[in-house]
Amino acid sequence: VLLHAITDAVLGASGLGDIGTYFPPEDPQWKNADSKTLLNIVWQDVRA
């Protein structure tokens, strides 16, 4: 929950979207995904 909240916060501040559009829950590739990986993907886009 904490990394998910952080992910949405940085996406909201940067205007790049939200966690649901980046990693749709219906997409099987994110099943049991490591949230550290998800945040890292988002953070690199935010920094870029």
PDB file of all heavy atoms in Angstrom:
ATOM      1  N   VAL A   1       0.818  -1.217   0.000  1.00  0.00           N
ATOM      2  CA  VAL A   1       0.000   0.000   0.000  1.00  0.00           C
ATOM      3  C   VAL A   1       0.849   1.263   0.000  1.00  0.00           C
ATOM      4  O   VAL A   1       0.481   2.268  -0.620  1.00  0.00           O
ATOM      5  CB  VAL A   1      -0.971   0.035   1.197  1.00  0.00           C
ATOM      6  CG1 VAL A   1      -2.073  -0.981   1.057  1.00  0.00           C
ATOM      7  CG2 VAL A   1      -0.228  -0.143   2.505  1.00  0.00           C
ATOM      8  N   LEU A   2       1.973   1.221   0.683  1.00  0.00           N
ATOM      9  CA  LEU A   2       2.796   2.427   0.791  1.00  0.00           C
ATOM     10  C   LEU A   2       3.436   2.771  -0.558  1.00  0.00           C
ATOM     11  O   LEU A   2       3.395   3.930  -0.989  1.00  0.00           O
ATOM     12  CB  LEU A   2       3.871   2.244   1.859  1.00  0.00           C
ATOM     13  CG  LEU A   2       4.764   3.455   2.135  1.00  0.00           C
ATOM     14  CD1 LEU A   2       3.934   4.689   2.461  1.00  0.00           C
ATOM     15  CD2 LEU A   2       5.744   3.153   3.260  1.00  0.00           C
ATOM     16  N   LEU A   3       4.010   1.778  -1.236  1.00  0.00           N
ATOM     17  CA  LEU A   3       4.615   2.062  -2.538  1.00  0.00           C
ATOM     18  C   LEU A   3       3.558   2.432  -3.576  1.00  0.00           C
ATOM     19  O   LEU A   3       3.816   3.246  -4.467  1.00  0.00           O
ATOM     20  CB  LEU A   3       5.434   0.865  -3.019  1.00  0.00           C
ATOM     21  CG  LEU A   3       6.706   0.544  -2.231  1.00  0.00           C
ATOM     22  CD1 LEU A   3       7.544  -0.492  -2.962  1.00  0.00           C
ATOM     23  CD2 LEU A   3       7.538   1.800  -1.962  1.00  0.00           C
ATOM     24  N   HIS A   4       2.360   1.855  -3.447  1.00  0.00           N
ATOM     25  CA  HIS A   4       1.281   2.238  -4.368  1.00  0.00           C
ATOM     26  C   HIS A   4       0.882   3.696  -4.159  1.00  0.00           C
ATOM     27  O   HIS A   4       0.635   4.434  -5.124  1.00  0.00           O
ATOM     28  CB  HIS A   4       0.074   1.323  -4.177  1.00  0.00           C
ATOM     29  CG  HIS A   4       0.324  -0.092  -4.572  1.00  0.00           C
ATOM     30  ND1 HIS A   4      -0.617  -1.093  -4.410  1.00  0.00           N
ATOM     31  CD2 HIS A   4       1.426  -0.693  -5.118  1.00  0.00           C
ATOM     32  CE1 HIS A   4      -0.112  -2.239  -4.839  1.00  0.00           C
ATOM     33  NE2 HIS A   4       1.129  -2.019  -5.265  1.00  0.00           N
ATOM     34  N   ALA A   5       0.794   4.119  -2.916  1.00  0.00           N
ATOM     35  CA  ALA A   5       0.450   5.517  -2.624  1.00  0.00           C
ATOM     36  C   ALA A   5       1.537   6.458  -3.139  1.00  0.00           C
ATOM     37  O   ALA A   5       1.242   7.520  -3.701  1.00  0.00           O
ATOM     38  CB  ALA A   5       0.252   5.705  -1.119  1.00  0.00           C
ATOM     39  N   ILE A   6       2.799   6.066  -2.960  1.00  0.00           N
ATOM     40  CA  ILE A   6       3.911   6.884  -3.463  1.00  0.00           C
ATOM     41  C   ILE A   6       3.857   6.963  -4.984  1.00  0.00           C
ATOM     42  O   ILE A   6       4.051   8.038  -5.574  1.00  0.00           O
ATOM     43  CB  ILE A   6       5.252   6.302  -2.988  1.00  0.00           C
ATOM     44  CG1 ILE A   6       5.391   6.450  -1.468  1.00  0.00           C
ATOM     45  CG2 ILE A   6       6.425   6.980  -3.706  1.00  0.00           C
ATOM     46  CD1 ILE A   6       6.575   5.706  -0.880  1.00  0.00           C
ATOM     47  N   THR A   7       3.598   5.832  -5.626  1.00  0.00           N
ATOM     48  CA  THR A   7       3.536   5.801  -7.093  1.00  0.00           C
ATOM     49  C   THR A   7       2.467   6.750  -7.613  1.00  0.00           C
ATOM     50  O   THR A   7       2.695   7.518  -8.548  1.00  0.00           O
ATOM     51  CB  THR A   7       3.258   4.369  -7.578  1.00  0.00           C
ATOM     52  OG1 THR A   7       4.285   3.493  -7.103  1.00  0.00           O
ATOM     53  CG2 THR A   7       3.208   4.308  -9.101  1.00  0.00           C
ATOM     54  N   ASP A   8       1.286   6.707  -7.009  1.00  0.00           N
ATOM     55  CA  ASP A   8       0.214   7.613  -7.450  1.00  0.00           C
ATOM     56  C   ASP A   8       0.549   9.069  -7.153  1.00  0.00           C
ATOM     57  O   ASP A   8       0.182   9.970  -7.910  1.00  0.00           O
ATOM     58  CB  ASP A   8      -1.103   7.234  -6.776  1.00  0.00           C
ATOM     59  CG  ASP A   8      -2.081   6.591  -7.751  1.00  0.00           C
ATOM     60  OD1 ASP A   8      -1.802   6.620  -8.966  1.00  0.00           O
ATOM     61  OD2 ASP A   8      -3.103   6.059  -7.306  1.00  0.00           O
ATOM     62  N   ALA A   9       1.251   9.320  -6.056  1.00  0.00           N
ATOM     63  CA  ALA A   9       1.599  10.699  -5.704  1.00  0.00           C
ATOM     64  C   ALA A   9       2.554  11.307  -6.731  1.00  0.00           C
ATOM     65  O   ALA A   9       2.358  12.439  -7.173  1.00  0.00           O
ATOM     66  CB  ALA A   9       2.221  10.743  -4.308  1.00  0.00           C
ATOM     67  N   VAL A  10       3.609  10.561  -7.115  1.00  0.00           N
ATOM     68  CA  VAL A  10       4.569  11.123  -8.071  1.00  0.00           C
ATOM     69  C   VAL A  10       3.954  11.224  -9.468  1.00  0.00           C
ATOM     70  O   VAL A  10       4.269  12.154 -10.233  1.00  0.00           O
ATOM     71  CB  VAL A  10       5.889  10.318  -8.098  1.00  0.00           C
ATOM     72  CG1 VAL A  10       6.570  10.361  -6.747  1.00  0.00           C
ATOM     73  CG2 VAL A  10       5.677   8.877  -8.544  1.00  0.00           C
ATOM     74  N   LEU A  11       3.063  10.290  -9.807  1.00  0.00           N
ATOM     75  CA  LEU A  11       2.366  10.388 -11.096  1.00  0.00           C
ATOM     76  C   LEU A  11       1.445  11.600 -11.117  1.00  0.00           C
ATOM     77  O   LEU A  11       1.363  12.324 -12.117  1.00  0.00           O
ATOM     78  CB  LEU A  11       1.565   9.113 -11.361  1.00  0.00           C
ATOM     79  CG  LEU A  11       2.353   7.903 -11.849  1.00  0.00           C
ATOM     80  CD1 LEU A  11       1.474   6.651 -11.850  1.00  0.00           C
ATOM     81  CD2 LEU A  11       2.916   8.145 -13.251  1.00  0.00           C
ATOM     82  N   GLY A  12       0.752  11.830 -10.007  1.00  0.00           N
ATOM     83  CA  GLY A  12      -0.143  12.981  -9.947  1.00  0.00           C
ATOM     84  C   GLY A  12       0.600  14.295 -10.029  1.00  0.00           C
ATOM     85  O   GLY A  12       0.181  15.220 -10.733  1.00  0.00           O
ATOM     86  N   ALA A  13       1.721  14.403  -9.331  1.00  0.00           N
ATOM     87  CA  ALA A  13       2.490  15.644  -9.358  1.00  0.00           C
ATOM     88  C   ALA A  13       3.077  15.909 -10.731  1.00  0.00           C
ATOM     89  O   ALA A  13       3.116  17.053 -11.199  1.00  0.00           O
ATOM     90  CB  ALA A  13       3.598  15.593  -8.305  1.00  0.00           C
ATOM     91  N   SER A  14       3.536  14.858 -11.397  1.00  0.00           N
ATOM     92  CA  SER A  14       4.163  15.042 -12.722  1.00  0.00           C
ATOM     93  C   SER A  14       3.147  15.131 -13.845  1.00  0.00           C
ATOM     94  O   SER A  14       3.481  15.541 -14.960  1.00  0.00           O
ATOM     95  CB  SER A  14       5.127  13.881 -12.993  1.00  0.00           C
ATOM     96  OG  SER A  14       4.435  12.643 -13.006  1.00  0.00           O
ATOM     97  N   GLY A  15       1.909  14.735 -13.572  1.00  0.00           N
ATOM     98  CA  GLY A  15       0.877  14.780 -14.601  1.00  0.00           C
ATOM     99  C   GLY A  15       0.972  13.664 -15.612  1.00  0.00           C
ATOM    100  O   GLY A  15       0.413  13.756 -16.712  1.00  0.00           O
ATOM    101  N   LEU A  16       1.639  12.566 -15.262  1.00  0.00           N
ATOM    102  CA  LEU A  16       1.855  11.479 -16.220  1.00  0.00           C
ATOM    103  C   LEU A  16       0.771  10.408 -16.184  1.00  0.00           C
ATOM    104  O   LEU A  16       0.847   9.444 -16.934  1.00  0.00           O
ATOM    105  CB  LEU A  16       3.221  10.826 -15.973  1.00  0.00           C
ATOM    106  CG  LEU A  16       4.435  11.647 -16.408  1.00  0.00           C
ATOM    107  CD1 LEU A  16       5.723  10.948 -16.013  1.00  0.00           C
ATOM    108  CD2 LEU A  16       4.405  11.891 -17.901  1.00  0.00           C
ATOM    109  N   GLY A  17      -0.209  10.532 -15.319  1.00  0.00           N
ATOM    110  CA  GLY A  17      -1.268   9.532 -15.284  1.00  0.00           C
ATOM    111  C   GLY A  17      -1.528   9.046 -13.875  1.00  0.00           C
ATOM    112  O   GLY A  17      -1.393   9.780 -12.905  1.00  0.00           O
ATOM    113  N   ASP A  18      -1.899   7.777 -13.747  1.00  0.00           N
ATOM    114  CA  ASP A  18      -2.108   7.167 -12.442  1.00  0.00           C
ATOM    115  C   ASP A  18      -1.709   5.704 -12.512  1.00  0.00           C
ATOM    116  O   ASP A  18      -1.463   5.156 -13.587  1.00  0.00           O
ATOM    117  CB  ASP A  18      -3.555   7.324 -11.962  1.00  0.00           C
ATOM    118  CG  ASP A  18      -4.556   6.706 -12.932  1.00  0.00           C
ATOM    119  OD1 ASP A  18      -4.509   5.469 -13.101  1.00  0.00           O
ATOM    120  OD2 ASP A  18      -5.371   7.441 -13.505  1.00  0.00           O
ATOM    121  N   ILE A  19      -1.640   5.064 -11.357  1.00  0.00           N
ATOM    122  CA  ILE A  19      -1.129   3.698 -11.290  1.00  0.00           C
ATOM    123  C   ILE A  19      -2.005   2.719 -12.068  1.00  0.00           C
ATOM    124  O   ILE A  19      -1.514   1.726 -12.620  1.00  0.00           O
ATOM    125  CB  ILE A  19      -0.963   3.266  -9.811  1.00  0.00           C
ATOM    126  CG1 ILE A  19      -0.096   2.006  -9.705  1.00  0.00           C
ATOM    127  CG2 ILE A  19      -2.303   3.105  -9.136  1.00  0.00           C
ATOM    128  CD1 ILE A  19       0.308   1.673  -8.282  1.00  0.00           C
ATOM    129  N   GLY A  20      -3.298   3.006 -12.135  1.00  0.00           N
ATOM    130  CA  GLY A  20      -4.202   2.115 -12.855  1.00  0.00           C
ATOM    131  C   GLY A  20      -3.984   2.121 -14.356  1.00  0.00           C
ATOM    132  O   GLY A  20      -4.172   1.098 -15.030  1.00  0.00           O
ATOM    133  N   THR A  21      -3.594   3.279 -14.928  1.00  0.00           N
ATOM    134  CA  THR A  21      -3.339   3.325 -16.372  1.00  0.00           C
ATOM    135  C   THR A  21      -1.982   2.733 -16.707  1.00  0.00           C
ATOM    136  O   THR A  21      -1.806   2.162 -17.786  1.00  0.00           O
ATOM    137  CB  THR A  21      -3.402   4.778 -16.890  1.00  0.00           C
ATOM    138  OG1 THR A  21      -2.461   5.585 -16.179  1.00  0.00           O
ATOM    139  CG2 THR A  21      -4.786   5.361 -16.704  1.00  0.00           C
ATOM    140  N   TYR A  22      -1.024   2.863 -15.795  1.00  0.00           N
ATOM    141  CA  TYR A  22       0.291   2.266 -16.023  1.00  0.00           C
ATOM    142  C   TYR A  22       0.244   0.738 -15.911  1.00  0.00           C
ATOM    143  O   TYR A  22       0.828   0.027 -16.718  1.00  0.00           O
ATOM    144  CB  TYR A  22       1.303   2.815 -15.011  1.00  0.00           C
ATOM    145  CG  TYR A  22       2.191   3.899 -15.558  1.00  0.00           C
ATOM    146  CD1 TYR A  22       1.703   5.175 -15.775  1.00  0.00           C
ATOM    147  CD2 TYR A  22       3.518   3.652 -15.863  1.00  0.00           C
ATOM    148  CE1 TYR A  22       2.511   6.182 -16.274  1.00  0.00           C
ATOM    149  CE2 TYR A  22       4.339   4.644 -16.354  1.00  0.00           C
ATOM    150  CZ  TYR A  22       3.838   5.911 -16.558  1.00  0.00           C
ATOM    151  OH  TYR A  22       4.639   6.893 -17.065  1.00  0.00           O
ATOM    152  N   PHE A  23      -0.451   0.246 -14.881  1.00  0.00           N
ATOM    153  CA  PHE A  23      -0.447  -1.182 -14.575  1.00  0.00           C
ATOM    154  C   PHE A  23      -1.888  -1.662 -14.360  1.00  0.00           C
ATOM    155  O   PHE A  23      -2.309  -1.862 -13.215  1.00  0.00           O
ATOM    156  CB  PHE A  23       0.400  -1.456 -13.322  1.00  0.00           C
ATOM    157  CG  PHE A  23       1.736  -0.757 -13.342  1.00  0.00           C
ATOM    158  CD1 PHE A  23       1.985   0.319 -12.496  1.00  0.00           C
ATOM    159  CD2 PHE A  23       2.733  -1.153 -14.224  1.00  0.00           C
ATOM    160  CE1 PHE A  23       3.207   0.968 -12.511  1.00  0.00           C
ATOM    161  CE2 PHE A  23       3.956  -0.500 -14.253  1.00  0.00           C
ATOM    162  CZ  PHE A  23       4.190   0.563 -13.391  1.00  0.00           C
ATOM    163  N   PRO A  24      -2.659  -1.841 -15.435  1.00  0.00           N
ATOM    164  CA  PRO A  24      -4.063  -2.229 -15.301  1.00  0.00           C
ATOM    165  C   PRO A  24      -4.210  -3.538 -14.516  1.00  0.00           C
ATOM    166  O   PRO A  24      -3.508  -4.518 -14.797  1.00  0.00           O
ATOM    167  CB  PRO A  24      -4.511  -2.415 -16.762  1.00  0.00           C
ATOM    168  CG  PRO A  24      -3.545  -1.619 -17.569  1.00  0.00           C
ATOM    169  CD  PRO A  24      -2.246  -1.696 -16.844  1.00  0.00           C
ATOM    170  N   PRO A  25      -5.083  -3.581 -13.522  1.00  0.00           N
ATOM    171  CA  PRO A  25      -5.228  -4.789 -12.708  1.00  0.00           C
ATOM    172  C   PRO A  25      -5.705  -6.003 -13.501  1.00  0.00           C
ATOM    173  O   PRO A  25      -5.486  -7.136 -13.080  1.00  0.00           O
ATOM    174  CB  PRO A  25      -6.251  -4.373 -11.637  1.00  0.00           C
ATOM    175  CG  PRO A  25      -6.946  -3.183 -12.206  1.00  0.00           C
ATOM    176  CD  PRO A  25      -5.949  -2.489 -13.069  1.00  0.00           C
ATOM    177  N   GLU A  26      -6.349  -5.749 -14.667  1.00  0.00           N
ATOM    178  CA  GLU A  26      -6.809  -6.878 -15.468  1.00  0.00           C
ATOM    179  C   GLU A  26      -5.693  -7.484 -16.331  1.00  0.00           C
ATOM    180  O   GLU A  26      -5.882  -8.532 -16.950  1.00  0.00           O
ATOM    181  CB  GLU A  26      -7.980  -6.453 -16.369  1.00  0.00           C
ATOM    182  CG  GLU A  26      -7.629  -5.421 -17.438  1.00  0.00           C
ATOM    183  CD  GLU A  26      -7.723  -3.987 -16.930  1.00  0.00           C
ATOM    184  OE1 GLU A  26      -7.868  -3.812 -15.692  1.00  0.00           O
ATOM    185  OE2 GLU A  26      -7.660  -3.068 -17.756  1.00  0.00           O
ATOM    186  N   ASP A  27      -4.525  -6.825 -16.357  1.00  0.00           N
ATOM    187  CA  ASP A  27      -3.403  -7.325 -17.146  1.00  0.00           C
ATOM    188  C   ASP A  27      -2.665  -8.406 -16.356  1.00  0.00           C
ATOM    189  O   ASP A  27      -2.120  -8.133 -15.283  1.00  0.00           O
ATOM    190  CB  ASP A  27      -2.451  -6.168 -17.469  1.00  0.00           C
ATOM    191  CG  ASP A  27      -1.386  -6.557 -18.494  1.00  0.00           C
ATOM    192  OD1 ASP A  27      -1.063  -7.757 -18.583  1.00  0.00           O
ATOM    193  OD2 ASP A  27      -0.880  -5.661 -19.198  1.00  0.00           O
ATOM    194  N   PRO A  28      -2.600  -9.639 -16.871  1.00  0.00           N
ATOM    195  CA  PRO A  28      -1.996 -10.740 -16.095  1.00  0.00           C
ATOM    196  C   PRO A  28      -0.510 -10.562 -15.825  1.00  0.00           C
ATOM    197  O   PRO A  28       0.021 -11.194 -14.913  1.00  0.00           O
ATOM    198  CB  PRO A  28      -2.256 -11.972 -16.977  1.00  0.00           C
ATOM    199  CG  PRO A  28      -2.489 -11.431 -18.359  1.00  0.00           C
ATOM    200  CD  PRO A  28      -3.137 -10.092 -18.158  1.00  0.00           C
ATOM    201  N   GLN A  29       0.190  -9.717 -16.606  1.00  0.00           N
ATOM    202  CA  GLN A  29       1.629  -9.575 -16.386  1.00  0.00           C
ATOM    203  C   GLN A  29       1.943  -8.911 -15.049  1.00  0.00           C
ATOM    204  O   GLN A  29       3.077  -9.006 -14.553  1.00  0.00           O
ATOM    205  CB  GLN A  29       2.282  -8.788 -17.512  1.00  0.00           C
ATOM    206  CG  GLN A  29       1.957  -7.312 -17.549  1.00  0.00           C
ATOM    207  CD  GLN A  29       2.788  -6.569 -18.580  1.00  0.00           C
ATOM    208  OE1 GLN A  29       4.019  -6.653 -18.594  1.00  0.00           O
ATOM    209  NE2 GLN A  29       2.107  -5.846 -19.469  1.00  0.00           N
ATOM    210  N   TRP A  30       0.946  -8.229 -14.449  1.00  0.00           N
ATOM    211  CA  TRP A  30       1.190  -7.561 -13.174  1.00  0.00           C
ATOM    212  C   TRP A  30       0.708  -8.402 -11.992  1.00  0.00           C
ATOM    213  O   TRP A  30       0.726  -7.925 -10.861  1.00  0.00           O
ATOM    214  CB  TRP A  30       0.523  -6.182 -13.151  1.00  0.00           C
ATOM    215  CG  TRP A  30       0.890  -5.330 -14.324  1.00  0.00           C
ATOM    216  CD1 TRP A  30       0.048  -4.790 -15.247  1.00  0.00           C
ATOM    217  CD2 TRP A  30       2.210  -4.930 -14.717  1.00  0.00           C
ATOM    218  NE1 TRP A  30       0.747  -4.087 -16.190  1.00  0.00           N
ATOM    219  CE2 TRP A  30       2.085  -4.151 -15.893  1.00  0.00           C
ATOM    220  CE3 TRP A  30       3.484  -5.151 -14.197  1.00  0.00           C
ATOM    221  CZ2 TRP A  30       3.167  -3.600 -16.547  1.00  0.00           C
ATOM    222  CZ3 TRP A  30       4.576  -4.608 -14.856  1.00  0.00           C
ATOM    223  CH2 TRP A  30       4.414  -3.852 -16.012  1.00  0.00           C
ATOM    224  N   LYS A  31       0.297  -9.640 -12.251  1.00  0.00           N
ATOM    225  CA  LYS A  31      -0.132 -10.530 -11.181  1.00  0.00           C
ATOM    226  C   LYS A  31       1.041 -10.786 -10.235  1.00  0.00           C
ATOM    227  O   LYS A  31       2.123 -11.219 -10.654  1.00  0.00           O
ATOM    228  CB  LYS A  31      -0.627 -11.851 -11.778  1.00  0.00           C
ATOM    229  CG  LYS A  31      -1.066 -12.888 -10.748  1.00  0.00           C
ATOM    230  CD  LYS A  31      -2.332 -12.466 -10.031  1.00  0.00           C
ATOM    231  CE  LYS A  31      -2.834 -13.590  -9.113  1.00  0.00           C
ATOM    232  NZ  LYS A  31      -4.016 -13.157  -8.334  1.00  0.00           N
ATOM    233  N   ASN A  32       0.838 -10.481  -8.949  1.00  0.00           N
ATOM    234  CA  ASN A  32       1.864 -10.652  -7.911  1.00  0.00           C
ATOM    235  C   ASN A  32       3.138  -9.855  -8.198  1.00  0.00           C
ATOM    236  O   ASN A  32       4.227 -10.217  -7.743  1.00  0.00           O
ATOM    237  CB  ASN A  32       2.207 -12.132  -7.729  1.00  0.00           C
ATOM    238  CG  ASN A  32       1.033 -12.930  -7.189  1.00  0.00           C
ATOM    239  OD1 ASN A  32       0.292 -12.454  -6.333  1.00  0.00           O
ATOM    240  ND2 ASN A  32       0.849 -14.136  -7.698  1.00  0.00           N
ATOM    241  N   ALA A  33       3.002  -8.761  -8.959  1.00  0.00           N
ATOM    242  CA  ALA A  33       4.178  -7.951  -9.311  1.00  0.00           C
ATOM    243  C   ALA A  33       4.803  -7.323  -8.071  1.00  0.00           C
ATOM    244  O   ALA A  33       4.105  -6.973  -7.107  1.00  0.00           O
ATOM    245  CB  ALA A  33       3.783  -6.852 -10.294  1.00  0.00           C
ATOM    246  N   ASP A  34       6.119  -7.183  -8.108  1.00  0.00           N
ATOM    247  CA  ASP A  34       6.860  -6.518  -7.043  1.00  0.00           C
ATOM    248  C   ASP A  34       6.638  -5.014  -7.178  1.00  0.00           C
ATOM    249  O   ASP A  34       6.983  -4.416  -8.200  1.00  0.00           O
ATOM    250  CB  ASP A  34       8.344  -6.863  -7.176  1.00  0.00           C
ATOM    251  CG  ASP A  34       9.176  -6.341  -6.014  1.00  0.00           C
ATOM    252  OD1 ASP A  34       8.746  -5.372  -5.367  1.00  0.00           O
ATOM    253  OD2 ASP A  34      10.267  -6.883  -5.777  1.00  0.00           O
ATOM    254  N   SER A  35       6.059  -4.395  -6.162  1.00  0.00           N
ATOM    255  CA  SER A  35       5.746  -2.965  -6.242  1.00  0.00           C
ATOM    256  C   SER A  35       6.990  -2.098  -6.335  1.00  0.00           C
ATOM    257  O   SER A  35       6.909  -0.951  -6.794  1.00  0.00           O
ATOM    258  CB  SER A  35       4.890  -2.543  -5.037  1.00  0.00           C
ATOM    259  OG  SER A  35       3.632  -3.181  -5.084  1.00  0.00           O
ATOM    260  N   LYS A  36       8.127  -2.607  -5.899  1.00  0.00           N
ATOM    261  CA  LYS A  36       9.386  -1.857  -6.085  1.00  0.00           C
ATOM    262  C   LYS A  36       9.662  -1.688  -7.567  1.00  0.00           C
ATOM    263  O   LYS A  36      10.092  -0.619  -8.020  1.00  0.00           O
ATOM    264  CB  LYS A  36      10.547  -2.592  -5.404  1.00  0.00           C
ATOM    265  CG  LYS A  36      10.438  -2.716  -3.901  1.00  0.00           C
ATOM    266  CD  LYS A  36      11.755  -3.152  -3.266  1.00  0.00           C
ATOM    267  CE  LYS A  36      12.209  -4.536  -3.712  1.00  0.00           C
ATOM    268  NZ  LYS A  36      11.275  -5.594  -3.242  1.00  0.00           N
ATOM    269  N   THR A  37       9.418  -2.743  -8.344  1.00  0.00           N
ATOM    270  CA  THR A  37       9.613  -2.669  -9.795  1.00  0.00           C
ATOM    271  C   THR A  37       8.635  -1.679 -10.428  1.00  0.00           C
ATOM    272  O   THR A  37       9.009  -0.888 -11.294  1.00  0.00           O
ATOM    273  CB  THR A  37       9.434  -4.057 -10.424  1.00  0.00           C
ATOM    274  OG1 THR A  37      10.394  -4.955  -9.868  1.00  0.00           O
ATOM    275  CG2 THR A  37       9.617  -3.994 -11.945  1.00  0.00           C
ATOM    276  N   LEU A  38       7.385  -1.712  -9.986  1.00  0.00           N
ATOM    277  CA  LEU A  38       6.372  -0.807 -10.546  1.00  0.00           C
ATOM    278  C   LEU A  38       6.744   0.654 -10.282  1.00  0.00           C
ATOM    279  O   LEU A  38       6.663   1.502 -11.182  1.00  0.00           O
ATOM    280  CB  LEU A  38       4.997  -1.125  -9.956  1.00  0.00           C
ATOM    281  CG  LEU A  38       4.502  -2.572 -10.075  1.00  0.00           C
ATOM    282  CD1 LEU A  38       3.069  -2.678  -9.550  1.00  0.00           C
ATOM    283  CD2 LEU A  38       4.595  -3.072 -11.505  1.00  0.00           C
ATOM    284  N   LEU A  39       7.152   0.953  -9.047  1.00  0.00           N
ATOM    285  CA  LEU A  39       7.528   2.320  -8.709  1.00  0.00           C
ATOM    286  C   LEU A  39       8.763   2.750  -9.510  1.00  0.00           C
ATOM    287  O   LEU A  39       8.842   3.890  -9.971  1.00  0.00           O
ATOM    288  CB  LEU A  39       7.789   2.453  -7.211  1.00  0.00           C
ATOM    289  CG  LEU A  39       8.294   3.827  -6.728  1.00  0.00           C
ATOM    290  CD1 LEU A  39       7.348   4.948  -7.150  1.00  0.00           C
ATOM    291  CD2 LEU A  39       8.475   3.828  -5.207  1.00  0.00           C
ATOM    292  N   ASN A  40       9.706   1.830  -9.686  1.00  0.00           N
ATOM    293  CA  ASN A  40      10.910   2.165 -10.440  1.00  0.00           C
ATOM    294  C   ASN A  40      10.585   2.514 -11.880  1.00  0.00           C
ATOM    295  O   ASN A  40      11.128   3.473 -12.444  1.00  0.00           O
ATOM    296  CB  ASN A  40      11.907   1.002 -10.383  1.00  0.00           C
ATOM    297  CG  ASN A  40      13.202   1.336 -11.084  1.00  0.00           C
ATOM    298  OD1 ASN A  40      13.412   0.985 -12.240  1.00  0.00           O
ATOM    299  ND2 ASN A  40      14.091   2.015 -10.386  1.00  0.00           N
ATOM    300  N   ILE A  41       9.682   1.756 -12.506  1.00  0.00           N
ATOM    301  CA  ILE A  41       9.275   2.045 -13.891  1.00  0.00           C
ATOM    302  C   ILE A  41       8.678   3.445 -13.986  1.00  0.00           C
ATOM    303  O   ILE A  41       9.026   4.243 -14.863  1.00  0.00           O
ATOM    304  CB  ILE A  41       8.260   0.992 -14.381  1.00  0.00           C
ATOM    305  CG1 ILE A  41       8.938  -0.381 -14.539  1.00  0.00           C
ATOM    306  CG2 ILE A  41       7.619   1.430 -15.707  1.00  0.00           C
ATOM    307  CD1 ILE A  41       7.966  -1.511 -14.803  1.00  0.00           C
ATOM    308  N   VAL A  42       7.766   3.743 -13.071  1.00  0.00           N
ATOM    309  CA  VAL A  42       7.115   5.058 -13.062  1.00  0.00           C
ATOM    310  C   VAL A  42       8.131   6.162 -12.791  1.00  0.00           C
ATOM    311  O   VAL A  42       8.159   7.195 -13.469  1.00  0.00           O
ATOM    312  CB  VAL A  42       5.987   5.085 -12.015  1.00  0.00           C
ATOM    313  CG1 VAL A  42       5.554   6.513 -11.721  1.00  0.00           C
ATOM    314  CG2 VAL A  42       4.806   4.263 -12.494  1.00  0.00           C
ATOM    315  N   TRP A  43       8.997   5.956 -11.804  1.00  0.00           N
ATOM    316  CA  TRP A  43       9.931   6.998 -11.400  1.00  0.00           C
ATOM    317  C   TRP A  43      10.908   7.339 -12.527  1.00  0.00           C
ATOM    318  O   TRP A  43      11.272   8.508 -12.701  1.00  0.00           O
ATOM    319  CB  TRP A  43      10.670   6.580 -10.139  1.00  0.00           C
ATOM    320  CG  TRP A  43      11.601   7.620  -9.591  1.00  0.00           C
ATOM    321  CD1 TRP A  43      12.932   7.518  -9.382  1.00  0.00           C
ATOM    322  CD2 TRP A  43      11.242   8.953  -9.183  1.00  0.00           C
ATOM    323  NE1 TRP A  43      13.439   8.690  -8.868  1.00  0.00           N
ATOM    324  CE2 TRP A  43      12.420   9.590  -8.737  1.00  0.00           C
ATOM    325  CE3 TRP A  43      10.040   9.658  -9.153  1.00  0.00           C
ATOM    326  CZ2 TRP A  43      12.430  10.894  -8.270  1.00  0.00           C
ATOM    327  CZ3 TRP A  43      10.054  10.961  -8.690  1.00  0.00           C
ATOM    328  CH2 TRP A  43      11.239  11.568  -8.254  1.00  0.00           C
ATOM    329  N   GLN A  44      11.325   6.356 -13.308  1.00  0.00           N
ATOM    330  CA  GLN A  44      12.221   6.652 -14.422  1.00  0.00           C
ATOM    331  C   GLN A  44      11.520   7.512 -15.472  1.00  0.00           C
ATOM    332  O   GLN A  44      12.129   8.404 -16.059  1.00  0.00           O
ATOM    333  CB  GLN A  44      12.749   5.348 -15.048  1.00  0.00           C
ATOM    334  CG  GLN A  44      13.564   4.480 -14.103  1.00  0.00           C
ATOM    335  CD  GLN A  44      14.573   5.262 -13.285  1.00  0.00           C
ATOM    336  OE1 GLN A  44      15.270   6.133 -13.818  1.00  0.00           O
ATOM    337  NE2 GLN A  44      14.651   4.968 -11.992  1.00  0.00           N
ATOM    338  N   ASP A  45      10.235   7.240 -15.720  1.00  0.00           N
ATOM    339  CA  ASP A  45       9.485   8.081 -16.655  1.00  0.00           C
ATOM    340  C   ASP A  45       9.322   9.492 -16.097  1.00  0.00           C
ATOM    341  O   ASP A  45       9.432  10.485 -16.827  1.00  0.00           O
ATOM    342  CB  ASP A  45       8.101   7.475 -16.927  1.00  0.00           C
ATOM    343  CG  ASP A  45       8.146   6.342 -17.937  1.00  0.00           C
ATOM    344  OD1 ASP A  45       9.248   6.022 -18.421  1.00  0.00           O
ATOM    345  OD2 ASP A  45       7.079   5.777 -18.233  1.00  0.00           O
ATOM    346  N   VAL A  46       9.047   9.597 -14.789  1.00  0.00           N
ATOM    347  CA  VAL A  46       8.899  10.911 -14.163  1.00  0.00           C
ATOM    348  C   VAL A  46      10.199  11.698 -14.273  1.00  0.00           C
ATOM    349  O   VAL A  46      10.218  12.878 -14.656  1.00  0.00           O
ATOM    350  CB  VAL A  46       8.472  10.759 -12.687  1.00  0.00           C
ATOM    351  CG1 VAL A  46       8.542  12.100 -11.960  1.00  0.00           C
ATOM    352  CG2 VAL A  46       7.063  10.182 -12.599  1.00  0.00           C
ATOM    353  N   ARG A  47      11.321  11.061 -13.980  1.00  0.00           N
ATOM    354  CA  ARG A  47      12.617  11.731 -14.076  1.00  0.00           C
ATOM    355  C   ARG A  47      12.964  12.085 -15.515  1.00  0.00           C
ATOM    356  O   ARG A  47      13.549  13.137 -15.784  1.00  0.00           O
ATOM    357  CB  ARG A  47      13.706  10.843 -13.474  1.00  0.00           C
ATOM    358  CG  ARG A  47      13.671  10.822 -11.969  1.00  0.00           C
ATOM    359  CD  ARG A  47      14.724   9.914 -11.379  1.00  0.00           C
ATOM    360  NE  ARG A  47      16.050  10.143 -11.943  1.00  0.00           N
ATOM    361  CZ  ARG A  47      17.166   9.698 -11.389  1.00  0.00           C
ATOM    362  NH1 ARG A  47      17.104   9.004 -10.264  1.00  0.00           N
ATOM    363  NH2 ARG A  47      18.328   9.918 -11.940  1.00  0.00           N
ATOM    364  N   ALA A  48      12.604  11.196 -16.439  1.00  0.00           N
ATOM    365  CA  ALA A  48      12.898  11.461 -17.844  1.00  0.00           C
ATOM    366  C   ALA A  48      12.151  12.681 -18.352  1.00  0.00           C
ATOM    367  O   ALA A  48      12.576  13.318 -19.320  1.00  0.00           O
ATOM    368  CB  ALA A  48      12.553  10.238 -18.702  1.00  0.00           C
TER     369      ALA A  48
END
